[in-house]
Protein backbone atom coordinates (compact mmCIF):
# COMPACT_ATOMS: atom_id res chain seq x y z
CA MET A 1 6.96 -16.09 20.23
CA SER A 2 8.70 -15.57 16.91
CA TYR A 3 10.65 -12.32 16.84
CA ILE A 4 11.82 -12.65 13.24
CA LYS A 5 9.21 -12.46 10.46
CA ASN A 6 9.98 -13.84 7.00
CA LEU A 7 8.50 -12.65 3.75
CA PRO A 8 5.81 -15.17 2.71
CA SER A 9 6.68 -17.22 -0.37
CA ASN A 10 3.21 -16.76 -1.90
CA PRO A 11 1.24 -13.51 -2.27
CA SER A 12 -1.40 -12.77 0.35
CA PHE A 13 -3.33 -10.70 -2.19
CA ILE A 14 -3.11 -10.00 -5.92
CA GLN A 15 -4.46 -7.07 -7.90
CA LYS A 16 -4.16 -6.33 -11.61
CA GLY A 17 -1.02 -4.24 -11.08
CA LEU A 18 0.63 -5.59 -7.93
CA SER A 19 1.18 -8.53 -5.62
CA GLY A 20 1.09 -8.12 -1.85
CA TYR A 21 2.65 -10.13 0.95
CA ASN A 22 1.35 -9.71 4.52
CA PHE A 23 3.63 -10.27 7.48
CA GLU A 24 2.00 -12.17 10.36
CA LEU A 25 2.54 -9.97 13.39
CA ASN A 26 1.89 -10.66 17.06
CA ASN A 27 0.88 -7.00 17.46
CA LYS A 28 -2.62 -6.79 15.96
CA GLU A 29 -2.73 -2.98 16.26
CA ILE A 30 -0.68 -2.52 13.07
CA SER A 31 -0.22 -4.39 9.81
CA ILE A 32 2.82 -4.52 7.56
CA SER A 33 2.89 -5.66 3.93
CA PHE A 34 5.40 -5.80 1.11
CA GLU A 35 3.94 -4.80 -2.26
CA ASP A 36 5.63 -5.67 -5.54
CA CYS A 37 4.09 -3.09 -7.85
CA PHE A 38 4.61 -3.73 -11.56
CA LYS A 39 1.84 -1.39 -12.76
CA GLY A 40 -0.02 0.12 -9.81
CA HIS A 41 -3.12 0.08 -7.68
CA ASP A 42 -6.02 -0.86 -9.96
CA LYS A 43 -8.61 1.46 -8.35
CA TYR A 44 -8.72 4.62 -6.26
CA HIS A 45 -8.91 3.69 -2.59
CA THR A 46 -9.96 5.30 0.68
CA ASN A 47 -9.51 3.73 4.11
CA ILE A 48 -11.99 5.15 6.61
CA ASN A 49 -10.08 4.05 9.72
CA SER A 50 -6.35 3.58 9.11
CA SER A 51 -3.36 5.71 8.23
CA LYS A 52 -1.28 4.17 5.46
CA ILE A 53 2.46 4.72 5.35
CA TYR A 54 4.24 3.63 2.17
CA TYR A 55 8.04 3.45 2.09
CA ILE A 56 9.46 3.13 -1.43
CA LEU A 57 12.14 0.44 -1.20
CA ASP A 58 13.00 0.51 -4.90
CA GLY A 59 11.80 2.00 -8.16
CA LYS A 60 9.76 5.09 -8.93
CA GLY A 61 6.19 6.06 -9.64
CA LYS A 62 3.37 8.49 -8.95
CA PHE A 63 0.85 8.82 -6.14
CA LYS A 64 -2.35 10.78 -6.69
CA ILE A 65 -3.67 11.91 -3.30
CA ASN A 66 -6.81 14.07 -3.09
CA ASN A 67 -6.39 14.91 -6.83
CA GLU A 68 -2.77 16.09 -6.41
CA ILE A 69 -0.01 14.11 -8.19
CA PHE A 70 3.32 13.41 -6.47
CA ASP A 71 6.40 11.82 -8.05
CA VAL A 72 8.04 9.27 -5.74
CA LYS A 73 11.30 7.36 -5.84
CA LYS A 74 13.44 5.00 -3.76
CA ASP A 75 13.72 6.08 -0.09
CA ASP A 76 10.65 8.37 -0.19
CA LEU A 77 7.92 7.89 2.41
CA VAL A 78 4.25 8.64 1.70
CA GLU A 79 1.79 9.15 4.59
CA ILE A 80 -1.90 8.90 3.75
CA PRO A 81 -4.31 9.74 6.60
CA PRO A 82 -7.70 8.07 7.06
CA ASN A 83 -10.53 9.24 4.78
CA THR A 84 -8.11 10.31 2.05
CA GLU A 85 -8.64 9.12 -1.53
CA PHE A 86 -5.50 7.95 -3.33
CA VAL A 87 -4.10 5.79 -6.11
CA PHE A 88 -0.58 5.02 -7.33
CA ALA A 89 1.20 3.76 -10.43
CA GLY A 90 4.73 2.79 -11.39
CA LYS A 91 7.26 0.02 -11.04
CA MET A 92 8.08 0.02 -7.32
CA LYS A 93 8.71 -2.18 -4.33
CA LEU A 94 6.79 -0.79 -1.37
CA LEU A 95 6.62 -1.42 2.35
CA LEU A 96 3.12 -0.61 3.66
CA ILE A 97 2.49 0.01 7.36
CA MET A 98 -1.10 0.53 8.49
CA SER A 99 -2.33 1.76 11.86
CA PRO A 100 -4.79 0.60 13.03
CA ALA A 101 -4.25 -2.72 11.28
CA PHE A 102 -5.88 -3.53 7.94
CA ARG A 103 -9.55 -4.54 8.01
CA ILE A 104 -11.29 -5.21 4.71
CA GLN A 105 -14.52 -3.51 5.85
CA ASP A 106 -12.64 -0.17 6.27
CA GLY A 107 -11.71 0.10 2.57
CA ILE A 108 -13.69 1.85 -0.12
CA ASP A 109 -12.64 1.33 -3.74
CA GLY A 110 -13.54 3.95 -6.32
CA LYS A 111 -13.00 4.56 -10.00
CA ASP A 112 -10.28 2.92 -12.10
CA ASN A 113 -6.69 4.18 -11.88
CA ASP A 114 -6.16 7.01 -14.38
CA LEU A 115 -2.39 7.33 -13.83
CA TYR A 116 -1.49 4.66 -16.40
């Protein structure tokens, strides 16, 4: 078993405003990703099953959660429960932890990001 996980050299997913890198974990109950956000999430998003925890490693931006806007900066942590609509924008480096682990069928994308 590998105890040390390295950041992948190529993105695992790419959106219009960010690149994401998934860590391959032995524990399949959670997922952890690094997101290099140069603009933001391209669409509003809701996950019907998982909590999302974003830790801002660097930079600053805005999260809009259930129509309320929050300014975030380095060392802030954002917790988004299941069934909560959100979007974010800014120039940030984010660590995303999801529990239960990410499953594409649990995500619902909505309208375009209106924060930028």
